[in-house]
Amino acid sequence: MKRVFALTIVAAAAAFAATAASAQTLNTIKSRGVLHCGANGTLAGFGLPDAQGAWTGLDVDFCRALAAAIFNDPTKIKFVPLTAKDRFTALQSGDVDVLARNTTWTSSRDTQLGLNFTGVNYYDGQGFMVRKSLKVNSALELNDAAICVQQGTTTELNLADYFRANKMKLKTVTFASANEAVKAYDAGRCDAYTTDASGLYAERLRTVKPDDHIVLPEIISKEPLGPSVRHGDDQWFDIVKWTHFAMVNAEELNITKANVDEMSKSDNPDIKRLLGSEGKHGEALGLTNDWAYRIIKQVGNYGEIFEKNVGQASPLKISRGLNALWTKGGLQYAPPVR
């Protein structure tokens, strides 16, 4: 009996601790009046400010969706540009509320850095870019080549693993930032440049003569990219996670920025629950019940932000591929709101 009582006390203490931790981040953001989003700052399609300081990108729009859900205003946001080296420290220290910076979800990052990844908003894989003049058609032809790569990334480890697995000699030329690595490659200091395939299409546009370069066909790794939050605040974890799920569900239900008001009148139970006219799913997150309506109305569904930032309506023109909905042969699949 004493053991049962003791376990009950422990469970109660754990529940109290969890309650105390919950809502901390959301309350801080509301009190501050602005969301702090850790972003890339140098990668077209994902996170990049223009000369006037206006930010664009897939990850940028994800953070705008969070601001829309919280404040009903996607502009109540401060983008904090972060390098690969300082991104995790910025999140751990509380300098940013969420890290949305084309970051690969790995076991070590998930378990050793005090982070929780909230989902995958872009399924990617590492590739190589070379000059057409090199007359190389496959990454397997890069034996003894000099490869430019950003240090302190999973990219650097994958590169070494790939060459070792294929018994190829490697000359790694590392740089602190992707910007430095691309400039060095473009200047001829390396035979190839490697990063996530999505990044290669973006970085190719920054070379002096983009048409002189090609992306090789090999994808040498799994790079599930997604936002992350700090350990210890389950409510905030849920909000960030379900923001992505709401955008994916909206696309699946054919709800767009243009038709969301009309779709609000639908009798479809899935649509009614998502847009907040049935149930209290928003309140369960600590938000208003029309939280998903706010996201779609002001930012769009997942397909819309994909096409605008990295898809066919963007300079990158990347196909949906693995990032298509599960109903269309892709991997984007969201749990239902119910």
C-alpha atoms as a PDB file:
ATOM      1  CA  MET A   1       0.000   0.000   0.000  1.00  0.00           C
ATOM      2  CA  LYS A   2       2.867   2.347   0.889  1.00  0.00           C
ATOM      3  CA  ARG A   3       4.493   1.593  -2.468  1.00  0.00           C
ATOM      4  CA  VAL A   4       1.272   2.467  -4.315  1.00  0.00           C
ATOM      5  CA  PHE A   5       0.991   5.698  -2.330  1.00  0.00           C
ATOM      6  CA  ALA A   6       4.609   6.564  -3.062  1.00  0.00           C
ATOM      7  CA  LEU A   7       4.121   5.929  -6.771  1.00  0.00           C
ATOM      8  CA  THR A   8       1.013   8.112  -6.689  1.00  0.00           C
ATOM      9  CA  ILE A   9       3.029  10.951  -5.145  1.00  0.00           C
ATOM     10  CA  VAL A  10       5.747  10.533  -7.786  1.00  0.00           C
ATOM     11  CA  ALA A  11       3.167  10.546 -10.564  1.00  0.00           C
ATOM     12  CA  ALA A  12       1.502  13.621  -9.103  1.00  0.00           C
ATOM     13  CA  ALA A  13       4.847  15.406  -8.824  1.00  0.00           C
ATOM     14  CA  ALA A  14       5.654  14.546 -12.434  1.00  0.00           C
ATOM     15  CA  ALA A  15       2.263  15.792 -13.561  1.00  0.00           C
ATOM     16  CA  PHE A  16       2.759  19.038 -11.615  1.00  0.00           C
ATOM     17  CA  ALA A  17       6.205  19.525 -13.159  1.00  0.00           C
ATOM     18  CA  ALA A  18       4.809  18.914 -16.629  1.00  0.00           C
ATOM     19  CA  THR A  19       1.996  21.408 -15.999  1.00  0.00           C
ATOM     20  CA  ALA A  20       4.469  23.994 -14.730  1.00  0.00           C
ATOM     21  CA  ALA A  21       6.616  23.549 -17.840  1.00  0.00           C
ATOM     22  CA  SER A  22       3.658  23.666 -20.211  1.00  0.00           C
ATOM     23  CA  ALA A  23       2.560  27.017 -21.620  1.00  0.00           C
ATOM     24  CA  GLN A  24       5.854  28.631 -20.614  1.00  0.00           C
ATOM     25  CA  THR A  25       7.015  29.280 -24.176  1.00  0.00           C
ATOM     26  CA  LEU A  26       3.592  30.297 -25.474  1.00  0.00           C
ATOM     27  CA  ASN A  27       3.099  32.699 -22.548  1.00  0.00           C
ATOM     28  CA  THR A  28       6.539  34.192 -23.127  1.00  0.00           C
ATOM     29  CA  ILE A  29       5.778  34.746 -26.815  1.00  0.00           C
ATOM     30  CA  LYS A  30       2.383  36.310 -26.053  1.00  0.00           C
ATOM     31  CA  SER A  31       3.877  38.593 -23.412  1.00  0.00           C
ATOM     32  CA  ARG A  32       6.658  39.627 -25.757  1.00  0.00           C
ATOM     33  CA  GLY A  33       4.197  40.211 -28.572  1.00  0.00           C
ATOM     34  CA  VAL A  34       6.421  38.629 -31.216  1.00  0.00           C
ATOM     35  CA  LEU A  35       7.656  35.159 -32.178  1.00  0.00           C
ATOM     36  CA  HIS A  36      11.425  34.651 -32.429  1.00  0.00           C
ATOM     37  CA  CYS A  37      12.206  32.285 -35.297  1.00  0.00           C
ATOM     38  CA  GLY A  38      15.698  30.888 -35.884  1.00  0.00           C
ATOM     39  CA  ALA A  39      16.170  30.879 -39.666  1.00  0.00           C
ATOM     40  CA  ASN A  40      18.898  30.355 -42.244  1.00  0.00           C
ATOM     41  CA  GLY A  41      19.411  33.782 -43.734  1.00  0.00           C
ATOM     42  CA  THR A  42      21.482  32.639 -46.717  1.00  0.00           C
ATOM     43  CA  LEU A  43      19.528  29.863 -48.450  1.00  0.00           C
ATOM     44  CA  ALA A  44      17.118  30.752 -51.259  1.00  0.00           C
ATOM     45  CA  GLY A  45      13.876  28.825 -51.077  1.00  0.00           C
ATOM     46  CA  PHE A  46      14.127  28.168 -47.351  1.00  0.00           C
ATOM     47  CA  GLY A  47      15.282  31.300 -45.538  1.00  0.00           C
ATOM     48  CA  LEU A  48      16.639  34.447 -47.167  1.00  0.00           C
ATOM     49  CA  PRO A  49      16.080  38.187 -46.642  1.00  0.00           C
ATOM     50  CA  ASP A  50      16.231  40.536 -49.615  1.00  0.00           C
ATOM     51  CA  ALA A  51      18.009  43.894 -49.738  1.00  0.00           C
ATOM     52  CA  GLN A  52      15.055  45.518 -47.981  1.00  0.00           C
ATOM     53  CA  GLY A  53      15.067  42.909 -45.213  1.00  0.00           C
ATOM     54  CA  ALA A  54      11.952  41.071 -46.396  1.00  0.00           C
ATOM     55  CA  TRP A  55      12.288  37.356 -45.680  1.00  0.00           C
ATOM     56  CA  THR A  56      11.112  34.530 -47.954  1.00  0.00           C
ATOM     57  CA  GLY A  57      11.348  30.754 -47.841  1.00  0.00           C
ATOM     58  CA  LEU A  58       9.606  27.513 -46.932  1.00  0.00           C
ATOM     59  CA  ASP A  59      10.871  27.636 -43.335  1.00  0.00           C
ATOM     60  CA  VAL A  60      10.084  31.348 -43.171  1.00  0.00           C
ATOM     61  CA  ASP A  61       6.462  30.717 -44.131  1.00  0.00           C
ATOM     62  CA  PHE A  62       6.266  27.958 -41.534  1.00  0.00           C
ATOM     63  CA  CYS A  63       7.205  30.479 -38.851  1.00  0.00           C
ATOM     64  CA  ARG A  64       4.686  32.925 -40.285  1.00  0.00           C
ATOM     65  CA  ALA A  65       2.070  30.198 -39.911  1.00  0.00           C
ATOM     66  CA  LEU A  66       2.968  29.913 -36.227  1.00  0.00           C
ATOM     67  CA  ALA A  67       2.600  33.675 -35.778  1.00  0.00           C
ATOM     68  CA  ALA A  68      -0.758  33.564 -37.559  1.00  0.00           C
ATOM     69  CA  ALA A  69      -1.972  30.789 -35.261  1.00  0.00           C
ATOM     70  CA  ILE A  70      -0.873  32.645 -32.121  1.00  0.00           C
ATOM     71  CA  PHE A  71      -1.513  36.307 -32.938  1.00  0.00           C
ATOM     72  CA  ASN A  72      -3.785  36.152 -35.992  1.00  0.00           C
ATOM     73  CA  ASP A  73      -0.975  38.174 -37.582  1.00  0.00           C
ATOM     74  CA  PRO A  74       1.858  36.504 -39.554  1.00  0.00           C
ATOM     75  CA  THR A  75       3.975  39.663 -39.320  1.00  0.00           C
ATOM     76  CA  LYS A  76       4.419  39.479 -35.542  1.00  0.00           C
ATOM     77  CA  ILE A  77       7.709  37.705 -35.947  1.00  0.00           C
ATOM     78  CA  LYS A  78      11.420  38.357 -35.655  1.00  0.00           C
ATOM     79  CA  PHE A  79      13.662  36.280 -37.880  1.00  0.00           C
ATOM     80  CA  VAL A  80      17.054  35.523 -36.354  1.00  0.00           C
ATOM     81  CA  PRO A  81      19.646  34.452 -38.970  1.00  0.00           C
ATOM     82  CA  LEU A  82      21.706  31.552 -37.646  1.00  0.00           C
ATOM     83  CA  THR A  83      24.726  29.658 -38.942  1.00  0.00           C
ATOM     84  CA  ALA A  84      24.898  25.873 -38.817  1.00  0.00           C
ATOM     85  CA  LYS A  85      27.353  26.223 -35.953  1.00  0.00           C
ATOM     86  CA  ASP A  86      25.273  28.455 -33.670  1.00  0.00           C
ATOM     87  CA  ARG A  87      21.721  27.300 -34.516  1.00  0.00           C
ATOM     88  CA  PHE A  88      21.365  24.747 -31.708  1.00  0.00           C
ATOM     89  CA  THR A  89      22.900  26.983 -29.045  1.00  0.00           C
ATOM     90  CA  ALA A  90      20.476  29.760 -29.985  1.00  0.00           C
ATOM     91  CA  LEU A  91      17.514  27.449 -29.420  1.00  0.00           C
ATOM     92  CA  GLN A  92      18.902  25.910 -26.228  1.00  0.00           C
ATOM     93  CA  SER A  93      19.595  29.329 -24.704  1.00  0.00           C
ATOM     94  CA  GLY A  94      16.141  30.696 -25.520  1.00  0.00           C
ATOM     95  CA  ASP A  95      17.356  33.268 -28.039  1.00  0.00           C
ATOM     96  CA  VAL A  96      14.789  31.788 -30.432  1.00  0.00           C
ATOM     97  CA  ASP A  97      11.477  30.050 -29.725  1.00  0.00           C
ATOM     98  CA  VAL A  98      11.688  27.650 -32.652  1.00  0.00           C
ATOM     99  CA  LEU A  99      14.448  26.597 -35.016  1.00  0.00           C
ATOM    100  CA  ALA A 100      13.221  26.381 -38.619  1.00  0.00           C
ATOM    101  CA  ARG A 101      16.456  26.252 -40.554  1.00  0.00           C
ATOM    102  CA  ASN A 102      16.591  23.297 -42.995  1.00  0.00           C
ATOM    103  CA  THR A 103      17.975  21.114 -40.190  1.00  0.00           C
ATOM    104  CA  THR A 104      18.261  17.321 -40.469  1.00  0.00           C
ATOM    105  CA  TRP A 105      16.467  15.265 -37.829  1.00  0.00           C
ATOM    106  CA  THR A 106      18.972  12.704 -36.471  1.00  0.00           C
ATOM    107  CA  SER A 107      19.056  10.495 -33.388  1.00  0.00           C
ATOM    108  CA  SER A 108      21.982  12.316 -31.771  1.00  0.00           C
ATOM    109  CA  ARG A 109      20.421  15.742 -32.270  1.00  0.00           C
ATOM    110  CA  ASP A 110      17.096  14.504 -30.951  1.00  0.00           C
ATOM    111  CA  THR A 111      18.557  12.879 -27.827  1.00  0.00           C
ATOM    112  CA  GLN A 112      21.731  14.779 -26.930  1.00  0.00           C
ATOM    113  CA  LEU A 113      20.993  18.451 -27.625  1.00  0.00           C
ATOM    114  CA  GLY A 114      17.866  18.962 -25.525  1.00  0.00           C
ATOM    115  CA  LEU A 115      15.736  19.349 -28.661  1.00  0.00           C
ATOM    116  CA  ASN A 116      12.502  17.895 -29.969  1.00  0.00           C
ATOM    117  CA  PHE A 117      11.980  17.752 -33.727  1.00  0.00           C
ATOM    118  CA  THR A 118       8.351  18.472 -34.512  1.00  0.00           C
ATOM    119  CA  GLY A 119       8.052  16.785 -37.903  1.00  0.00           C
ATOM    120  CA  VAL A 120       9.467  16.807 -41.412  1.00  0.00           C
ATOM    121  CA  ASN A 121       8.529  19.773 -43.577  1.00  0.00           C
ATOM    122  CA  TYR A 122      10.954  18.782 -46.341  1.00  0.00           C
ATOM    123  CA  TYR A 123      12.248  15.315 -47.220  1.00  0.00           C
ATOM    124  CA  ASP A 124      15.698  15.793 -48.712  1.00  0.00           C
ATOM    125  CA  GLY A 125      18.926  13.949 -49.453  1.00  0.00           C
ATOM    126  CA  GLN A 126      22.538  14.950 -49.984  1.00  0.00           C
ATOM    127  CA  GLY A 127      23.913  15.386 -53.498  1.00  0.00           C
ATOM    128  CA  PHE A 128      26.759  16.920 -55.487  1.00  0.00           C
ATOM    129  CA  MET A 129      27.130  19.849 -57.861  1.00  0.00           C
ATOM    130  CA  VAL A 130      29.957  19.947 -60.431  1.00  0.00           C
ATOM    131  CA  ARG A 131      30.938  21.983 -63.451  1.00  0.00           C
ATOM    132  CA  LYS A 132      29.785  20.592 -66.754  1.00  0.00           C
ATOM    133  CA  SER A 133      33.346  21.026 -68.020  1.00  0.00           C
ATOM    134  CA  LEU A 134      34.509  18.348 -65.558  1.00  0.00           C
ATOM    135  CA  LYS A 135      32.576  15.848 -67.721  1.00  0.00           C
ATOM    136  CA  VAL A 136      31.447  13.850 -64.697  1.00  0.00           C
ATOM    137  CA  ASN A 137      28.071  12.129 -64.814  1.00  0.00           C
ATOM    138  CA  SER A 138      28.103  10.315 -61.500  1.00  0.00           C
ATOM    139  CA  ALA A 139      29.335  10.923 -57.966  1.00  0.00           C
ATOM    140  CA  LEU A 140      31.177   7.601 -58.268  1.00  0.00           C
ATOM    141  CA  GLU A 141      33.508   9.348 -60.732  1.00  0.00           C
ATOM    142  CA  LEU A 142      34.707  11.798 -58.064  1.00  0.00           C
ATOM    143  CA  ASN A 143      37.548   9.616 -56.762  1.00  0.00           C
ATOM    144  CA  ASP A 144      40.409  11.798 -55.446  1.00  0.00           C
ATOM    145  CA  ALA A 145      38.348  14.945 -56.100  1.00  0.00           C
ATOM    146  CA  ALA A 146      38.446  18.028 -53.897  1.00  0.00           C
ATOM    147  CA  ILE A 147      34.988  18.578 -52.389  1.00  0.00           C
ATOM    148  CA  CYS A 148      33.838  21.846 -50.815  1.00  0.00           C
ATOM    149  CA  VAL A 149      31.610  21.290 -47.759  1.00  0.00           C
ATOM    150  CA  GLN A 150      30.355  23.195 -44.747  1.00  0.00           C
ATOM    151  CA  GLN A 151      31.929  22.015 -41.508  1.00  0.00           C
ATOM    152  CA  GLY A 152      29.974  20.991 -38.447  1.00  0.00           C
ATOM    153  CA  THR A 153      27.096  19.536 -40.455  1.00  0.00           C
ATOM    154  CA  THR A 154      25.703  16.078 -41.172  1.00  0.00           C
ATOM    155  CA  THR A 155      26.786  16.834 -44.749  1.00  0.00           C
ATOM    156  CA  GLU A 156      30.445  16.584 -43.786  1.00  0.00           C
ATOM    157  CA  LEU A 157      29.939  13.202 -42.101  1.00  0.00           C
ATOM    158  CA  ASN A 158      27.848  11.814 -44.976  1.00  0.00           C
ATOM    159  CA  LEU A 159      30.532  12.858 -47.457  1.00  0.00           C
ATOM    160  CA  ALA A 160      33.243  10.960 -45.598  1.00  0.00           C
ATOM    161  CA  ASP A 161      30.987   7.911 -45.187  1.00  0.00           C
ATOM    162  CA  TYR A 162      30.085   7.820 -48.888  1.00  0.00           C
ATOM    163  CA  PHE A 163      33.675   7.971 -50.089  1.00  0.00           C
ATOM    164  CA  ARG A 164      34.818   5.387 -47.550  1.00  0.00           C
ATOM    165  CA  ALA A 165      31.962   3.009 -48.407  1.00  0.00           C
ATOM    166  CA  ASN A 166      32.859   3.229 -52.106  1.00  0.00           C
ATOM    167  CA  LYS A 167      36.624   2.932 -51.458  1.00  0.00           C
ATOM    168  CA  MET A 168      37.291   6.338 -53.001  1.00  0.00           C
ATOM    169  CA  LYS A 169      39.922   8.897 -52.026  1.00  0.00           C
ATOM    170  CA  LEU A 170      38.606  12.195 -50.719  1.00  0.00           C
ATOM    171  CA  LYS A 171      40.060  15.675 -50.425  1.00  0.00           C
ATOM    172  CA  THR A 172      37.735  17.605 -48.141  1.00  0.00           C
ATOM    173  CA  VAL A 173      37.887  21.413 -48.193  1.00  0.00           C
ATOM    174  CA  THR A 174      35.817  22.697 -45.268  1.00  0.00           C
ATOM    175  CA  PHE A 175      34.343  26.125 -44.577  1.00  0.00           C
ATOM    176  CA  ALA A 176      32.528  27.666 -41.628  1.00  0.00           C
ATOM    177  CA  SER A 177      29.555  28.747 -43.730  1.00  0.00           C
ATOM    178  CA  ALA A 178      27.742  27.543 -46.822  1.00  0.00           C
ATOM    179  CA  ASN A 179      28.317  30.950 -48.397  1.00  0.00           C
ATOM    180  CA  GLU A 180      32.107  30.553 -48.103  1.00  0.00           C
ATOM    181  CA  ALA A 181      31.969  26.991 -49.438  1.00  0.00           C
ATOM    182  CA  VAL A 182      29.944  27.977 -52.502  1.00  0.00           C
ATOM    183  CA  LYS A 183      32.205  30.934 -53.271  1.00  0.00           C
ATOM    184  CA  ALA A 184      35.277  28.707 -53.039  1.00  0.00           C
ATOM    185  CA  TYR A 185      33.696  26.128 -55.333  1.00  0.00           C
ATOM    186  CA  ASP A 186      32.662  28.801 -57.830  1.00  0.00           C
ATOM    187  CA  ALA A 187      36.209  30.199 -57.758  1.00  0.00           C
ATOM    188  CA  GLY A 188      37.610  26.798 -58.751  1.00  0.00           C
ATOM    189  CA  ARG A 189      39.119  25.778 -55.425  1.00  0.00           C
ATOM    190  CA  CYS A 190      37.114  22.530 -55.453  1.00  0.00           C
ATOM    191  CA  ASP A 191      35.953  20.049 -58.061  1.00  0.00           C
ATOM    192  CA  ALA A 192      32.524  19.703 -56.493  1.00  0.00           C
ATOM    193  CA  TYR A 193      30.265  21.150 -53.848  1.00  0.00           C
ATOM    194  CA  THR A 194      28.034  18.987 -51.663  1.00  0.00           C
ATOM    195  CA  THR A 195      24.982  19.733 -49.539  1.00  0.00           C
ATOM    196  CA  ASP A 196      21.307  18.738 -49.458  1.00  0.00           C
ATOM    197  CA  ALA A 197      19.937  18.472 -52.994  1.00  0.00           C
ATOM    198  CA  SER A 198      17.453  21.275 -52.363  1.00  0.00           C
ATOM    199  CA  GLY A 199      20.343  23.499 -51.334  1.00  0.00           C
ATOM    200  CA  LEU A 200      22.288  22.644 -54.482  1.00  0.00           C
ATOM    201  CA  TYR A 201      19.517  24.037 -56.682  1.00  0.00           C
ATOM    202  CA  ALA A 202      19.480  27.199 -54.592  1.00  0.00           C
ATOM    203  CA  GLU A 203      23.252  27.610 -54.481  1.00  0.00           C
ATOM    204  CA  ARG A 204      23.611  27.024 -58.216  1.00  0.00           C
ATOM    205  CA  LEU A 205      21.644  30.224 -58.771  1.00  0.00           C
ATOM    206  CA  ARG A 206      24.317  32.103 -56.816  1.00  0.00           C
ATOM    207  CA  THR A 207      27.221  31.004 -59.020  1.00  0.00           C
ATOM    208  CA  VAL A 208      28.563  33.419 -61.631  1.00  0.00           C
ATOM    209  CA  LYS A 209      27.286  31.215 -64.476  1.00  0.00           C
ATOM    210  CA  PRO A 210      24.546  28.879 -63.195  1.00  0.00           C
ATOM    211  CA  ASP A 211      24.180  27.099 -66.529  1.00  0.00           C
ATOM    212  CA  ASP A 212      27.800  25.918 -66.275  1.00  0.00           C
ATOM    213  CA  HIS A 213      26.933  23.632 -63.375  1.00  0.00           C
ATOM    214  CA  ILE A 214      24.893  20.446 -62.970  1.00  0.00           C
ATOM    215  CA  VAL A 215      23.523  18.507 -60.014  1.00  0.00           C
ATOM    216  CA  LEU A 216      24.584  14.851 -60.197  1.00  0.00           C
ATOM    217  CA  PRO A 217      21.839  12.203 -59.935  1.00  0.00           C
ATOM    218  CA  GLU A 218      23.063  10.403 -56.801  1.00  0.00           C
ATOM    219  CA  ILE A 219      21.341  11.031 -53.484  1.00  0.00           C
ATOM    220  CA  ILE A 220      23.678   9.651 -50.836  1.00  0.00           C
ATOM    221  CA  SER A 221      21.721  10.141 -47.624  1.00  0.00           C
ATOM    222  CA  LYS A 222      18.378  10.600 -45.938  1.00  0.00           C
ATOM    223  CA  GLU A 223      17.917  14.216 -44.838  1.00  0.00           C
ATOM    224  CA  PRO A 224      14.523  14.706 -43.165  1.00  0.00           C
ATOM    225  CA  LEU A 225      14.462  18.454 -42.558  1.00  0.00           C
ATOM    226  CA  GLY A 226      12.196  19.983 -39.964  1.00  0.00           C
ATOM    227  CA  PRO A 227      11.641  22.504 -37.188  1.00  0.00           C
ATOM    228  CA  SER A 228      12.685  21.837 -33.597  1.00  0.00           C
ATOM    229  CA  VAL A 229      11.905  23.183 -30.131  1.00  0.00           C
ATOM    230  CA  ARG A 230      13.474  22.865 -26.691  1.00  0.00           C
ATOM    231  CA  HIS A 231      12.743  19.949 -24.388  1.00  0.00           C
ATOM    232  CA  GLY A 232      10.436  20.636 -21.459  1.00  0.00           C
ATOM    233  CA  ASP A 233       7.396  22.371 -22.933  1.00  0.00           C
ATOM    234  CA  ASP A 234       4.953  19.852 -24.343  1.00  0.00           C
ATOM    235  CA  GLN A 235       2.333  22.447 -25.190  1.00  0.00           C
ATOM    236  CA  TRP A 236       4.703  24.426 -27.405  1.00  0.00           C
ATOM    237  CA  PHE A 237       5.946  21.180 -28.951  1.00  0.00           C
ATOM    238  CA  ASP A 238       2.321  20.317 -29.811  1.00  0.00           C
ATOM    239  CA  ILE A 239       1.607  23.764 -31.281  1.00  0.00           C
ATOM    240  CA  VAL A 240       4.634  23.700 -33.586  1.00  0.00           C
ATOM    241  CA  LYS A 241       3.955  20.092 -34.581  1.00  0.00           C
ATOM    242  CA  TRP A 242       0.276  20.649 -35.342  1.00  0.00           C
ATOM    243  CA  THR A 243       0.948  23.811 -37.316  1.00  0.00           C
ATOM    244  CA  HIS A 244       2.682  21.673 -39.936  1.00  0.00           C
ATOM    245  CA  PHE A 245      -0.006  19.001 -39.716  1.00  0.00           C
ATOM    246  CA  ALA A 246      -2.732  21.605 -40.221  1.00  0.00           C
ATOM    247  CA  MET A 247      -1.105  22.843 -43.427  1.00  0.00           C
ATOM    248  CA  VAL A 248      -0.723  19.308 -44.784  1.00  0.00           C
ATOM    249  CA  ASN A 249      -4.302  18.383 -43.864  1.00  0.00           C
ATOM    250  CA  ALA A 250      -5.539  21.569 -45.513  1.00  0.00           C
ATOM    251  CA  GLU A 251      -3.862  20.639 -48.782  1.00  0.00           C
ATOM    252  CA  GLU A 252      -5.299  17.130 -48.603  1.00  0.00           C
ATOM    253  CA  LEU A 253      -8.774  18.582 -48.049  1.00  0.00           C
ATOM    254  CA  ASN A 254      -8.250  21.065 -50.926  1.00  0.00           C
ATOM    255  CA  ILE A 255      -8.505  24.075 -48.611  1.00  0.00           C
ATOM    256  CA  THR A 256      -6.494  27.041 -49.906  1.00  0.00           C
ATOM    257  CA  LYS A 257      -5.960  30.718 -49.101  1.00  0.00           C
ATOM    258  CA  ALA A 258      -8.420  31.593 -51.825  1.00  0.00           C
ATOM    259  CA  ASN A 259     -11.259  29.260 -50.829  1.00  0.00           C
ATOM    260  CA  VAL A 260     -10.890  28.885 -47.040  1.00  0.00           C
ATOM    261  CA  ASP A 261     -13.831  31.204 -46.322  1.00  0.00           C
ATOM    262  CA  GLU A 262     -16.092  29.244 -48.640  1.00  0.00           C
ATOM    263  CA  MET A 263     -14.796  25.924 -47.247  1.00  0.00           C
ATOM    264  CA  SER A 264     -15.699  27.145 -43.756  1.00  0.00           C
ATOM    265  CA  LYS A 265     -19.324  26.581 -44.737  1.00  0.00           C
ATOM    266  CA  SER A 266     -18.669  22.921 -45.628  1.00  0.00           C
ATOM    267  CA  ASP A 267     -20.590  20.100 -43.928  1.00  0.00           C
ATOM    268  CA  ASN A 268     -17.525  17.828 -44.155  1.00  0.00           C
ATOM    269  CA  PRO A 269     -16.690  16.878 -40.537  1.00  0.00           C
ATOM    270  CA  ASP A 270     -12.933  16.850 -41.218  1.00  0.00           C
ATOM    271  CA  ILE A 271     -13.076  20.370 -42.617  1.00  0.00           C
ATOM    272  CA  LYS A 272     -15.310  21.615 -39.795  1.00  0.00           C
ATOM    273  CA  ARG A 273     -12.907  20.292 -37.150  1.00  0.00           C
ATOM    274  CA  LEU A 274      -9.817  21.660 -38.917  1.00  0.00           C
ATOM    275  CA  LEU A 275     -11.273  25.137 -39.420  1.00  0.00           C
ATOM    276  CA  GLY A 276     -12.713  25.324 -35.915  1.00  0.00           C
ATOM    277  CA  SER A 277     -16.460  25.295 -36.417  1.00  0.00           C
ATOM    278  CA  GLU A 278     -16.739  21.944 -34.637  1.00  0.00           C
ATOM    279  CA  GLY A 279     -14.955  20.805 -31.489  1.00  0.00           C
ATOM    280  CA  LYS A 280     -12.435  22.622 -29.320  1.00  0.00           C
ATOM    281  CA  HIS A 281      -9.199  21.402 -30.857  1.00  0.00           C
ATOM    282  CA  GLY A 282      -7.603  24.842 -30.849  1.00  0.00           C
ATOM    283  CA  GLU A 283      -8.352  25.372 -27.166  1.00  0.00           C
ATOM    284  CA  ALA A 284      -6.643  22.053 -26.432  1.00  0.00           C
ATOM    285  CA  LEU A 285      -3.467  23.577 -27.873  1.00  0.00           C
ATOM    286  CA  GLY A 286      -3.840  26.793 -25.901  1.00  0.00           C
ATOM    287  CA  LEU A 287      -4.946  28.659 -29.034  1.00  0.00           C
ATOM    288  CA  THR A 288      -8.269  29.830 -30.458  1.00  0.00           C
ATOM    289  CA  ASN A 289     -10.407  27.231 -32.185  1.00  0.00           C
ATOM    290  CA  ASP A 290      -9.919  28.970 -35.547  1.00  0.00           C
ATOM    291  CA  TRP A 291      -6.107  28.615 -35.298  1.00  0.00           C
ATOM    292  CA  ALA A 292      -5.865  26.527 -38.484  1.00  0.00           C
ATOM    293  CA  TYR A 293      -8.211  28.872 -40.361  1.00  0.00           C
ATOM    294  CA  ARG A 294      -5.850  31.725 -39.475  1.00  0.00           C
ATOM    295  CA  ILE A 295      -2.872  29.780 -40.826  1.00  0.00           C
ATOM    296  CA  ILE A 296      -4.493  28.894 -44.142  1.00  0.00           C
ATOM    297  CA  LYS A 297      -6.126  32.293 -44.667  1.00  0.00           C
ATOM    298  CA  GLN A 298      -2.943  34.254 -44.048  1.00  0.00           C
ATOM    299  CA  VAL A 299      -0.149  31.878 -45.140  1.00  0.00           C
ATOM    300  CA  GLY A 300      -1.648  28.983 -47.122  1.00  0.00           C
ATOM    301  CA  ASN A 301      -1.610  25.203 -47.096  1.00  0.00           C
ATOM    302  CA  TYR A 302       1.555  23.116 -47.390  1.00  0.00           C
ATOM    303  CA  GLY A 303       1.343  22.752 -51.165  1.00  0.00           C
ATOM    304  CA  GLU A 304       0.956  26.492 -51.614  1.00  0.00           C
ATOM    305  CA  ILE A 305       4.054  27.408 -49.610  1.00  0.00           C
ATOM    306  CA  PHE A 306       6.024  24.605 -51.294  1.00  0.00           C
ATOM    307  CA  GLU A 307       5.207  25.747 -54.819  1.00  0.00           C
ATOM    308  CA  LYS A 308       5.808  29.415 -54.047  1.00  0.00           C
ATOM    309  CA  ASN A 309       9.177  28.957 -52.358  1.00  0.00           C
ATOM    310  CA  VAL A 310      10.867  25.928 -53.924  1.00  0.00           C
ATOM    311  CA  GLY A 311       8.447  24.473 -56.472  1.00  0.00           C
ATOM    312  CA  GLN A 312       7.475  25.299 -60.031  1.00  0.00           C
ATOM    313  CA  ALA A 313       6.434  28.855 -59.180  1.00  0.00           C
ATOM    314  CA  SER A 314       9.895  29.568 -57.761  1.00  0.00           C
ATOM    315  CA  PRO A 315      13.313  30.043 -59.425  1.00  0.00           C
ATOM    316  CA  LEU A 316      14.389  26.658 -57.969  1.00  0.00           C
ATOM    317  CA  LYS A 317      11.615  24.702 -59.753  1.00  0.00           C
ATOM    318  CA  ILE A 318      12.026  21.596 -57.592  1.00  0.00           C
ATOM    319  CA  SER A 319       9.454  18.851 -58.198  1.00  0.00           C
ATOM    320  CA  ARG A 320       7.323  17.713 -55.263  1.00  0.00           C
ATOM    321  CA  GLY A 321       8.861  14.222 -55.344  1.00  0.00           C
ATOM    322  CA  LEU A 322       8.939  12.755 -51.831  1.00  0.00           C
ATOM    323  CA  ASN A 323       7.266  15.916 -50.569  1.00  0.00           C
ATOM    324  CA  ALA A 324       4.031  15.212 -52.409  1.00  0.00           C
ATOM    325  CA  LEU A 325       1.042  14.189 -50.311  1.00  0.00           C
ATOM    326  CA  TRP A 326       0.768  10.511 -49.419  1.00  0.00           C
ATOM    327  CA  THR A 327      -2.320  10.393 -51.639  1.00  0.00           C
ATOM    328  CA  LYS A 328      -0.112  11.346 -54.586  1.00  0.00           C
ATOM    329  CA  GLY A 329       2.836   9.026 -54.019  1.00  0.00           C
ATOM    330  CA  GLY A 330       4.762  11.211 -51.571  1.00  0.00           C
ATOM    331  CA  LEU A 331       5.601  11.063 -47.874  1.00  0.00           C
ATOM    332  CA  GLN A 332       3.704  14.089 -46.546  1.00  0.00           C
ATOM    333  CA  TYR A 333       1.090  12.591 -44.250  1.00  0.00           C
ATOM    334  CA  ALA A 334      -0.560  14.271 -41.286  1.00  0.00           C
ATOM    335  CA  PRO A 335      -2.591  12.815 -38.399  1.00  0.00           C
ATOM    336  CA  PRO A 336      -6.223  13.938 -38.451  1.00  0.00           C
ATOM    337  CA  VAL A 337      -7.720  16.721 -36.348  1.00  0.00           C
ATOM    338  CA  ARG A 338     -10.305  14.907 -34.255  1.00  0.00           C
END
